[in-house]
PDB file of N, CA and C in Angstrom:
ATOM      1  N   UNK A   1       8.297  11.787  20.437  1.00  0.00           N
ATOM      2  CA  UNK A   1       7.377  12.114  19.353  1.00  0.00           C
ATOM      3  C   UNK A   1       7.883  13.375  18.652  1.00  0.00           C
ATOM      4  N   UNK A   2       7.842  13.344  17.330  1.00  0.00           N
ATOM      5  CA  UNK A   2       8.309  14.498  16.556  1.00  0.00           C
ATOM      6  C   UNK A   2       7.260  15.596  16.554  1.00  0.00           C
ATOM      7  N   UNK A   3       7.736  16.816  16.393  1.00  0.00           N
ATOM      8  CA  UNK A   3       6.789  17.934  16.346  1.00  0.00           C
ATOM      9  C   UNK A   3       6.074  17.952  15.008  1.00  0.00           C
ATOM     10  N   UNK A   4       4.886  18.463  15.019  1.00  0.00           N
ATOM     11  CA  UNK A   4       4.088  18.557  13.806  1.00  0.00           C
ATOM     12  C   UNK A   4       4.487  19.800  13.015  1.00  0.00           C
ATOM     13  N   UNK A   5       4.358  19.721  11.703  1.00  0.00           N
ATOM     14  CA  UNK A   5       4.583  20.868  10.828  1.00  0.00           C
ATOM     15  C   UNK A   5       3.248  21.285  10.233  1.00  0.00           C
ATOM     16  N   UNK A   6       3.119  22.548   9.931  1.00  0.00           N
ATOM     17  CA  UNK A   6       1.925  23.056   9.258  1.00  0.00           C
ATOM     18  C   UNK A   6       2.319  23.373   7.822  1.00  0.00           C
ATOM     19  N   UNK A   7       1.551  22.855   6.892  1.00  0.00           N
ATOM     20  CA  UNK A   7       1.787  23.119   5.472  1.00  0.00           C
ATOM     21  C   UNK A   7       0.489  23.638   4.868  1.00  0.00           C
ATOM     22  N   UNK A   8       0.615  24.277   3.714  1.00  0.00           N
ATOM     23  CA  UNK A   8      -0.564  24.789   3.016  1.00  0.00           C
ATOM     24  C   UNK A   8      -0.769  24.001   1.726  1.00  0.00           C
ATOM     25  N   UNK A   9      -2.025  23.888   1.364  1.00  0.00           N
ATOM     26  CA  UNK A   9      -2.351  23.228   0.113  1.00  0.00           C
ATOM     27  C   UNK A   9      -2.521  24.283  -0.971  1.00  0.00           C
ATOM     28  N   UNK A  10      -1.960  24.007  -2.150  1.00  0.00           N
ATOM     29  CA  UNK A  10      -2.085  24.955  -3.257  1.00  0.00           C
ATOM     30  C   UNK A  10      -3.473  24.840  -3.889  1.00  0.00           C
ATOM     31  N   UNK A  11      -3.759  25.742  -4.795  1.00  0.00           N
ATOM     32  CA  UNK A  11      -5.053  25.709  -5.483  1.00  0.00           C
ATOM     33  C   UNK A  11      -5.205  24.436  -6.329  1.00  0.00           C
ATOM     34  N   UNK A  12      -4.078  23.782  -6.626  1.00  0.00           N
ATOM     35  CA  UNK A  12      -4.108  22.535  -7.390  1.00  0.00           C
ATOM     36  C   UNK A  12      -4.147  21.305  -6.479  1.00  0.00           C
ATOM     37  N   UNK A  13      -4.243  21.519  -5.174  1.00  0.00           N
ATOM     38  CA  UNK A  13      -4.287  20.405  -4.233  1.00  0.00           C
ATOM     39  C   UNK A  13      -2.916  19.868  -3.862  1.00  0.00           C
ATOM     40  N   UNK A  14      -1.855  20.587  -4.190  1.00  0.00           N
ATOM     41  CA  UNK A  14      -0.502  20.135  -3.890  1.00  0.00           C
ATOM     42  C   UNK A  14      -0.076  20.571  -2.493  1.00  0.00           C
ATOM     43  N   UNK A  15       0.682  19.686  -1.843  1.00  0.00           N
ATOM     44  CA  UNK A  15       1.208  19.957  -0.508  1.00  0.00           C
ATOM     45  C   UNK A  15       2.702  19.663  -0.547  1.00  0.00           C
ATOM     46  N   UNK A  16       3.496  20.527   0.041  1.00  0.00           N
ATOM     47  CA  UNK A  16       4.938  20.302   0.113  1.00  0.00           C
ATOM     48  C   UNK A  16       5.239  19.582   1.418  1.00  0.00           C
ATOM     49  N   UNK A  17       5.903  18.432   1.302  1.00  0.00           N
ATOM     50  CA  UNK A  17       6.327  17.685   2.489  1.00  0.00           C
ATOM     51  C   UNK A  17       7.624  18.328   2.974  1.00  0.00           C
ATOM     52  N   UNK A  18       7.709  18.712   4.241  1.00  0.00           N
ATOM     53  CA  UNK A  18       8.901  19.385   4.750  1.00  0.00           C
ATOM     54  C   UNK A  18      10.186  18.578   4.468  1.00  0.00           C
ATOM     55  N   UNK A  19      11.250  19.318   4.179  1.00  0.00           N
ATOM     56  CA  UNK A  19      12.515  18.711   3.769  1.00  0.00           C
ATOM     57  C   UNK A  19      13.040  17.696   4.784  1.00  0.00           C
ATOM     58  N   UNK A  20      12.982  18.012   6.068  1.00  0.00           N
ATOM     59  CA  UNK A  20      13.521  17.072   7.060  1.00  0.00           C
ATOM     60  C   UNK A  20      12.758  15.747   7.049  1.00  0.00           C
ATOM     61  N   UNK A  21      11.450  15.802   6.811  1.00  0.00           N
ATOM     62  CA  UNK A  21      10.666  14.567   6.719  1.00  0.00           C
ATOM     63  C   UNK A  21      11.012  13.793   5.450  1.00  0.00           C
ATOM     64  N   UNK A  22      11.181  14.502   4.334  1.00  0.00           N
ATOM     65  CA  UNK A  22      11.568  13.838   3.083  1.00  0.00           C
ATOM     66  C   UNK A  22      12.896  13.120   3.257  1.00  0.00           C
ATOM     67  N   UNK A  23      13.845  13.789   3.910  1.00  0.00           N
ATOM     68  CA  UNK A  23      15.166  13.187   4.111  1.00  0.00           C
ATOM     69  C   UNK A  23      15.079  11.967   5.031  1.00  0.00           C
ATOM     70  N   UNK A  24      14.367  12.070   6.127  1.00  0.00           N
ATOM     71  CA  UNK A  24      14.248  10.962   7.077  1.00  0.00           C
ATOM     72  C   UNK A  24      13.591   9.740   6.448  1.00  0.00           C
ATOM     73  N   UNK A  25      12.623   9.985   5.562  1.00  0.00           N
ATOM     74  CA  UNK A  25      11.895   8.883   4.939  1.00  0.00           C
ATOM     75  C   UNK A  25      12.488   8.446   3.603  1.00  0.00           C
ATOM     76  N   UNK A  26      13.507   9.162   3.151  1.00  0.00           N
ATOM     77  CA  UNK A  26      14.122   8.816   1.873  1.00  0.00           C
ATOM     78  C   UNK A  26      13.215   9.090   0.687  1.00  0.00           C
ATOM     79  N   UNK A  27      12.445  10.162   0.771  1.00  0.00           N
ATOM     80  CA  UNK A  27      11.536  10.536  -0.314  1.00  0.00           C
ATOM     81  C   UNK A  27      12.227  11.488  -1.271  1.00  0.00           C
ATOM     82  N   UNK A  28      12.038  11.261  -2.530  1.00  0.00           N
ATOM     83  CA  UNK A  28      12.599  12.140  -3.548  1.00  0.00           C
ATOM     84  C   UNK A  28      11.624  12.261  -4.702  1.00  0.00           C
ATOM     85  N   UNK A  29      12.082  12.885  -5.771  1.00  0.00           N
ATOM     86  CA  UNK A  29      11.242  13.008  -6.963  1.00  0.00           C
ATOM     87  C   UNK A  29      10.829  11.613  -7.421  1.00  0.00           C
ATOM     88  N   UNK A  30       9.604  11.475  -7.804  1.00  0.00           N
ATOM     89  CA  UNK A  30       9.020  10.222  -8.292  1.00  0.00           C
ATOM     90  C   UNK A  30       8.737   9.198  -7.197  1.00  0.00           C
ATOM     91  N   UNK A  31       8.985   9.541  -5.926  1.00  0.00           N
ATOM     92  CA  UNK A  31       8.606   8.633  -4.837  1.00  0.00           C
ATOM     93  C   UNK A  31       7.092   8.488  -4.856  1.00  0.00           C
ATOM     94  N   UNK A  32       6.632   7.305  -4.539  1.00  0.00           N
ATOM     95  CA  UNK A  32       5.193   7.072  -4.515  1.00  0.00           C
ATOM     96  C   UNK A  32       4.724   6.955  -3.075  1.00  0.00           C
ATOM     97  N   UNK A  33       3.571   7.558  -2.811  1.00  0.00           N
ATOM     98  CA  UNK A  33       2.977   7.539  -1.483  1.00  0.00           C
ATOM     99  C   UNK A  33       1.566   6.981  -1.579  1.00  0.00           C
ATOM    100  N   UNK A  34       1.211   6.179  -0.616  1.00  0.00           N
ATOM    101  CA  UNK A  34      -0.150   5.711  -0.480  1.00  0.00           C
ATOM    102  C   UNK A  34      -0.842   6.725   0.421  1.00  0.00           C
ATOM    103  N   UNK A  35      -1.999   7.208   0.024  1.00  0.00           N
ATOM    104  CA  UNK A  35      -2.716   8.191   0.838  1.00  0.00           C
ATOM    105  C   UNK A  35      -4.154   7.721   1.010  1.00  0.00           C
ATOM    106  N   UNK A  36      -4.625   7.803   2.238  1.00  0.00           N
ATOM    107  CA  UNK A  36      -6.007   7.442   2.495  1.00  0.00           C
ATOM    108  C   UNK A  36      -6.549   8.274   3.646  1.00  0.00           C
ATOM    109  N   UNK A  37      -7.871   8.319   3.707  1.00  0.00           N
ATOM    110  CA  UNK A  37      -8.551   9.087   4.744  1.00  0.00           C
ATOM    111  C   UNK A  37      -8.819   8.175   5.923  1.00  0.00           C
ATOM    112  N   UNK A  38      -8.578   8.691   7.108  1.00  0.00           N
ATOM    113  CA  UNK A  38      -8.930   7.999   8.347  1.00  0.00           C
ATOM    114  C   UNK A  38      -9.625   9.027   9.228  1.00  0.00           C
ATOM    115  N   UNK A  39     -10.917   8.838   9.413  1.00  0.00           N
ATOM    116  CA  UNK A  39     -11.748   9.804  10.136  1.00  0.00           C
ATOM    117  C   UNK A  39     -11.572  11.180   9.491  1.00  0.00           C
ATOM    118  N   UNK A  40     -11.065  12.170  10.242  1.00  0.00           N
ATOM    119  CA  UNK A  40     -10.897  13.503   9.655  1.00  0.00           C
ATOM    120  C   UNK A  40      -9.428  13.785   9.338  1.00  0.00           C
ATOM    121  N   UNK A  41      -8.620  12.727   9.148  1.00  0.00           N
ATOM    122  CA  UNK A  41      -7.184  12.891   8.868  1.00  0.00           C
ATOM    123  C   UNK A  41      -6.822  12.228   7.541  1.00  0.00           C
ATOM    124  N   UNK A  42      -5.741  12.700   6.952  1.00  0.00           N
ATOM    125  CA  UNK A  42      -5.161  12.050   5.780  1.00  0.00           C
ATOM    126  C   UNK A  42      -3.892  11.346   6.237  1.00  0.00           C
ATOM    127  N   UNK A  43      -3.748  10.105   5.856  1.00  0.00           N
ATOM    128  CA  UNK A  43      -2.569   9.314   6.207  1.00  0.00           C
ATOM    129  C   UNK A  43      -1.778   9.083   4.927  1.00  0.00           C
ATOM    130  N   UNK A  44      -0.489   9.376   4.980  1.00  0.00           N
ATOM    131  CA  UNK A  44       0.387   9.132   3.826  1.00  0.00           C
ATOM    132  C   UNK A  44       1.457   8.138   4.249  1.00  0.00           C
ATOM    133  N   UNK A  45       1.709   7.140   3.402  1.00  0.00           N
ATOM    134  CA  UNK A  45       2.700   6.123   3.705  1.00  0.00           C
ATOM    135  C   UNK A  45       3.584   5.928   2.491  1.00  0.00           C
ATOM    136  N   UNK A  46       4.892   5.890   2.735  1.00  0.00           N
ATOM    137  CA  UNK A  46       5.831   5.650   1.647  1.00  0.00           C
ATOM    138  C   UNK A  46       5.516   4.284   1.049  1.00  0.00           C
ATOM    139  N   UNK A  47       5.422   4.234  -0.260  1.00  0.00           N
ATOM    140  CA  UNK A  47       5.072   3.014  -0.960  1.00  0.00           C
ATOM    141  C   UNK A  47       6.318   2.462  -1.628  1.00  0.00           C
ATOM    142  N   UNK A  48       6.687   1.257  -1.256  1.00  0.00           N
ATOM    143  CA  UNK A  48       7.824   0.591  -1.869  1.00  0.00           C
ATOM    144  C   UNK A  48       7.280  -0.253  -3.007  1.00  0.00           C
ATOM    145  N   UNK A  49       7.435   0.221  -4.231  1.00  0.00           N
ATOM    146  CA  UNK A  49       6.850  -0.433  -5.397  1.00  0.00           C
ATOM    147  C   UNK A  49       7.371  -1.855  -5.543  1.00  0.00           C
ATOM    148  N   UNK A  50       8.650  -2.085  -5.264  1.00  0.00           N
ATOM    149  CA  UNK A  50       9.199  -3.432  -5.385  1.00  0.00           C
ATOM    150  C   UNK A  50       8.489  -4.384  -4.440  1.00  0.00           C
ATOM    151  N   UNK A  51       8.196  -3.924  -3.222  1.00  0.00           N
ATOM    152  CA  UNK A  51       7.496  -4.754  -2.253  1.00  0.00           C
ATOM    153  C   UNK A  51       6.077  -5.055  -2.733  1.00  0.00           C
ATOM    154  N   UNK A  52       5.409  -4.059  -3.295  1.00  0.00           N
ATOM    155  CA  UNK A  52       4.049  -4.252  -3.798  1.00  0.00           C
ATOM    156  C   UNK A  52       4.075  -5.238  -4.961  1.00  0.00           C
ATOM    157  N   UNK A  53       5.037  -5.078  -5.868  1.00  0.00           N
ATOM    158  CA  UNK A  53       5.141  -6.003  -6.996  1.00  0.00           C
ATOM    159  C   UNK A  53       5.397  -7.425  -6.515  1.00  0.00           C
ATOM    160  N   UNK A  54       6.228  -7.567  -5.505  1.00  0.00           N
ATOM    161  CA  UNK A  54       6.535  -8.885  -4.938  1.00  0.00           C
ATOM    162  C   UNK A  54       5.272  -9.514  -4.347  1.00  0.00           C
ATOM    163  N   UNK A  55       4.528  -8.733  -3.587  1.00  0.00           N
ATOM    164  CA  UNK A  55       3.301  -9.255  -2.968  1.00  0.00           C
ATOM    165  C   UNK A  55       2.254  -9.611  -4.020  1.00  0.00           C
ATOM    166  N   UNK A  56       2.097  -8.743  -5.023  1.00  0.00           N
ATOM    167  CA  UNK A  56       1.131  -9.042  -6.080  1.00  0.00           C
ATOM    168  C   UNK A  56       1.532 -10.299  -6.841  1.00  0.00           C
ATOM    169  N   UNK A  57       2.831 -10.432  -7.106  1.00  0.00           N
ATOM    170  CA  UNK A  57       3.323 -11.622  -7.801  1.00  0.00           C
ATOM    171  C   UNK A  57       2.994 -12.885  -7.021  1.00  0.00           C
ATOM    172  N   UNK A  58       3.194 -12.847  -5.709  1.00  0.00           N
ATOM    173  CA  UNK A  58       2.888 -14.004  -4.866  1.00  0.00           C
ATOM    174  C   UNK A  58       1.393 -14.320  -4.904  1.00  0.00           C
ATOM    175  N   UNK A  59       0.586 -13.282  -4.855  1.00  0.00           N
ATOM    176  CA  UNK A  59      -0.861 -13.479  -4.893  1.00  0.00           C
ATOM    177  C   UNK A  59      -1.305 -14.035  -6.247  1.00  0.00           C
ATOM    178  N   UNK A  60      -0.750 -13.501  -7.344  1.00  0.00           N
ATOM    179  CA  UNK A  60      -1.091 -14.004  -8.682  1.00  0.00           C
ATOM    180  C   UNK A  60      -0.697 -15.471  -8.836  1.00  0.00           C
ATOM    181  N   UNK A  61       0.490 -15.836  -8.321  1.00  0.00           N
ATOM    182  CA  UNK A  61       0.920 -17.235  -8.415  1.00  0.00           C
ATOM    183  C   UNK A  61      -0.036 -18.156  -7.649  1.00  0.00           C
ATOM    184  N   UNK A  62      -0.479 -17.672  -6.507  1.00  0.00           N
ATOM    185  CA  UNK A  62      -1.414 -18.451  -5.695  1.00  0.00           C
ATOM    186  C   UNK A  62      -2.729 -18.672  -6.433  1.00  0.00           C
ATOM    187  N   UNK A  63      -3.245 -17.602  -7.032  1.00  0.00           N
ATOM    188  CA  UNK A  63      -4.512 -17.702  -7.767  1.00  0.00           C
ATOM    189  C   UNK A  63      -4.337 -18.564  -9.014  1.00  0.00           C
ATOM    190  N   UNK A  64      -3.195 -18.406  -9.715  1.00  0.00           N
ATOM    191  CA  UNK A  64      -2.927 -19.239 -10.888  1.00  0.00           C
ATOM    192  C   UNK A  64      -2.868 -20.713 -10.516  1.00  0.00           C
ATOM    193  N   UNK A  65      -2.245 -21.041  -9.388  1.00  0.00           N
ATOM    194  CA  UNK A  65      -2.152 -22.438  -8.942  1.00  0.00           C
ATOM    195  C   UNK A  65      -3.542 -22.999  -8.645  1.00  0.00           C
ATOM    196  N   UNK A  66      -4.361 -22.179  -8.011  1.00  0.00           N
ATOM    197  CA  UNK A  66      -5.722 -22.639  -7.701  1.00  0.00           C
ATOM    198  C   UNK A  66      -6.534 -22.814  -8.984  1.00  0.00           C
ATOM    199  N   UNK A  67      -6.339 -21.904  -9.937  1.00  0.00           N
ATOM    200  CA  UNK A  67      -7.045 -22.010 -11.217  1.00  0.00           C
ATOM    201  C   UNK A  67      -6.617 -23.284 -11.947  1.00  0.00           C
ATOM    202  N   UNK A  68      -5.321 -23.584 -11.931  1.00  0.00           N
ATOM    203  CA  UNK A  68      -4.818 -24.799 -12.589  1.00  0.00           C
ATOM    204  C   UNK A  68      -5.408 -26.051 -11.938  1.00  0.00           C
ATOM    205  N   UNK A  69      -5.593 -26.007 -10.635  1.00  0.00           N
ATOM    206  CA  UNK A  69      -6.103 -27.172  -9.907  1.00  0.00           C
ATOM    207  C   UNK A  69      -7.611 -27.344 -10.048  1.00  0.00           C
ATOM    208  N   UNK A  70      -8.364 -26.228  -9.953  1.00  0.00           N
ATOM    209  CA  UNK A  70      -9.823 -26.306  -9.906  1.00  0.00           C
ATOM    210  C   UNK A  70     -10.528 -25.732 -11.132  1.00  0.00           C
ATOM    211  N   UNK A  71      -9.801 -25.170 -12.064  1.00  0.00           N
ATOM    212  CA  UNK A  71     -10.440 -24.540 -13.210  1.00  0.00           C
ATOM    213  C   UNK A  71     -10.704 -23.068 -12.945  1.00  0.00           C
ATOM    214  N   UNK A  72     -11.435 -22.447 -13.828  1.00  0.00           N
ATOM    215  CA  UNK A  72     -11.684 -21.001 -13.725  1.00  0.00           C
ATOM    216  C   UNK A  72     -12.351 -20.644 -12.400  1.00  0.00           C
ATOM    217  N   UNK A  73     -11.853 -19.567 -11.794  1.00  0.00           N
ATOM    218  CA  UNK A  73     -12.390 -19.123 -10.512  1.00  0.00           C
ATOM    219  C   UNK A  73     -13.436 -18.040 -10.709  1.00  0.00           C
ATOM    220  N   UNK A  74     -14.392 -18.014  -9.802  1.00  0.00           N
ATOM    221  CA  UNK A  74     -15.382 -16.941  -9.791  1.00  0.00           C
ATOM    222  C   UNK A  74     -14.812 -15.786  -8.988  1.00  0.00           C
ATOM    223  N   UNK A  75     -15.415 -14.627  -9.127  1.00  0.00           N
ATOM    224  CA  UNK A  75     -14.956 -13.438  -8.403  1.00  0.00           C
ATOM    225  C   UNK A  75     -14.944 -13.679  -6.892  1.00  0.00           C
ATOM    226  N   UNK A  76     -15.946 -14.366  -6.388  1.00  0.00           N
ATOM    227  CA  UNK A  76     -16.015 -14.638  -4.953  1.00  0.00           C
ATOM    228  C   UNK A  76     -14.838 -15.508  -4.512  1.00  0.00           C
ATOM    229  N   UNK A  77     -14.406 -16.452  -5.368  1.00  0.00           N
ATOM    230  CA  UNK A  77     -13.254 -17.299  -5.043  1.00  0.00           C
ATOM    231  C   UNK A  77     -11.967 -16.485  -4.992  1.00  0.00           C
ATOM    232  N   UNK A  78     -11.834 -15.565  -5.921  1.00  0.00           N
ATOM    233  CA  UNK A  78     -10.640 -14.716  -5.959  1.00  0.00           C
ATOM    234  C   UNK A  78     -10.605 -13.831  -4.716  1.00  0.00           C
ATOM    235  N   UNK A  79     -11.732 -13.252  -4.361  1.00  0.00           N
ATOM    236  CA  UNK A  79     -11.789 -12.422  -3.146  1.00  0.00           C
ATOM    237  C   UNK A  79     -11.443 -13.241  -1.905  1.00  0.00           C
ATOM    238  N   UNK A  80     -11.916 -14.481  -1.870  1.00  0.00           N
ATOM    239  CA  UNK A  80     -11.619 -15.358  -0.742  1.00  0.00           C
ATOM    240  C   UNK A  80     -10.116 -15.631  -0.650  1.00  0.00           C
ATOM    241  N   UNK A  81      -9.472 -15.860  -1.787  1.00  0.00           N
ATOM    242  CA  UNK A  81      -8.018 -16.082  -1.813  1.00  0.00           C
ATOM    243  C   UNK A  81      -7.265 -14.840  -1.348  1.00  0.00           C
ATOM    244  N   UNK A  82      -7.725 -13.676  -1.774  1.00  0.00           N
ATOM    245  CA  UNK A  82      -7.090 -12.421  -1.350  1.00  0.00           C
ATOM    246  C   UNK A  82      -7.206 -12.271   0.163  1.00  0.00           C
ATOM    247  N   UNK A  83      -8.369 -12.539   0.719  1.00  0.00           N
ATOM    248  CA  UNK A  83      -8.558 -12.426   2.165  1.00  0.00           C
ATOM    249  C   UNK A  83      -7.695 -13.427   2.921  1.00  0.00           C
ATOM    250  N   UNK A  84      -7.583 -14.659   2.407  1.00  0.00           N
ATOM    251  CA  UNK A  84      -6.718 -15.659   3.042  1.00  0.00           C
ATOM    252  C   UNK A  84      -5.269 -15.179   3.041  1.00  0.00           C
ATOM    253  N   UNK A  85      -4.839 -14.642   1.896  1.00  0.00           N
ATOM    254  CA  UNK A  85      -3.470 -14.142   1.768  1.00  0.00           C
ATOM    255  C   UNK A  85      -3.225 -13.014   2.767  1.00  0.00           C
ATOM    256  N   UNK A  86      -4.150 -12.081   2.851  1.00  0.00           N
ATOM    257  CA  UNK A  86      -4.013 -10.960   3.783  1.00  0.00           C
ATOM    258  C   UNK A  86      -3.949 -11.440   5.223  1.00  0.00           C
ATOM    259  N   UNK A  87      -4.781 -12.415   5.570  1.00  0.00           N
ATOM    260  CA  UNK A  87      -4.796 -12.945   6.934  1.00  0.00           C
ATOM    261  C   UNK A  87      -3.465 -13.616   7.252  1.00  0.00           C
ATOM    262  N   UNK A  88      -2.917 -14.361   6.313  1.00  0.00           N
ATOM    263  CA  UNK A  88      -1.605 -14.986   6.531  1.00  0.00           C
ATOM    264  C   UNK A  88      -0.528 -13.932   6.758  1.00  0.00           C
ATOM    265  N   UNK A  89      -0.564 -12.846   6.000  1.00  0.00           N
ATOM    266  CA  UNK A  89       0.417 -11.774   6.149  1.00  0.00           C
ATOM    267  C   UNK A  89       0.261 -11.086   7.506  1.00  0.00           C
ATOM    268  N   UNK A  90      -0.989 -10.895   7.962  1.00  0.00           N
ATOM    269  CA  UNK A  90      -1.220 -10.294   9.280  1.00  0.00           C
ATOM    270  C   UNK A  90      -0.621 -11.164  10.384  1.00  0.00           C
ATOM    271  N   UNK A  91      -0.806 -12.475  10.273  1.00  0.00           N
ATOM    272  CA  UNK A  91      -0.287 -13.392  11.277  1.00  0.00           C
ATOM    273  C   UNK A  91       1.238 -13.386  11.269  1.00  0.00           C
ATOM    274  N   UNK A  92       1.851 -13.260  10.104  1.00  0.00           N
ATOM    275  CA  UNK A  92       3.313 -13.222  10.008  1.00  0.00           C
ATOM    276  C   UNK A  92       3.871 -11.979  10.681  1.00  0.00           C
ATOM    277  N   UNK A  93       3.153 -10.857  10.590  1.00  0.00           N
ATOM    278  CA  UNK A  93       3.619  -9.607  11.192  1.00  0.00           C
ATOM    279  C   UNK A  93       3.438  -9.587  12.702  1.00  0.00           C
ATOM    280  N   UNK A  94       2.478 -10.376  13.192  1.00  0.00           N
ATOM    281  CA  UNK A  94       2.173 -10.377  14.646  1.00  0.00           C
ATOM    282  C   UNK A  94       3.218 -11.110  15.458  1.00  0.00           C
TER     283      UNK A  94
END
């Protein structure tokens, strides 16, 4: 397990990610990070935009195919398709 670093937040809410972590994760200027709260912690994850675009494209194609087959979808139908897609991805990772 790697040692933890302590960083300070600026008055603008900015935090500097330590250089060794940036290098290990391949983070540079314009890198995008997903950040979310988990209990009393902040979790940051490197976001691969190409991967997100690929996944969104697959999801859009799926919804478009269903729309072509059944006609216009309601919001509940779209949410159901998103959940099915997510469940399939979870099973693939397991």
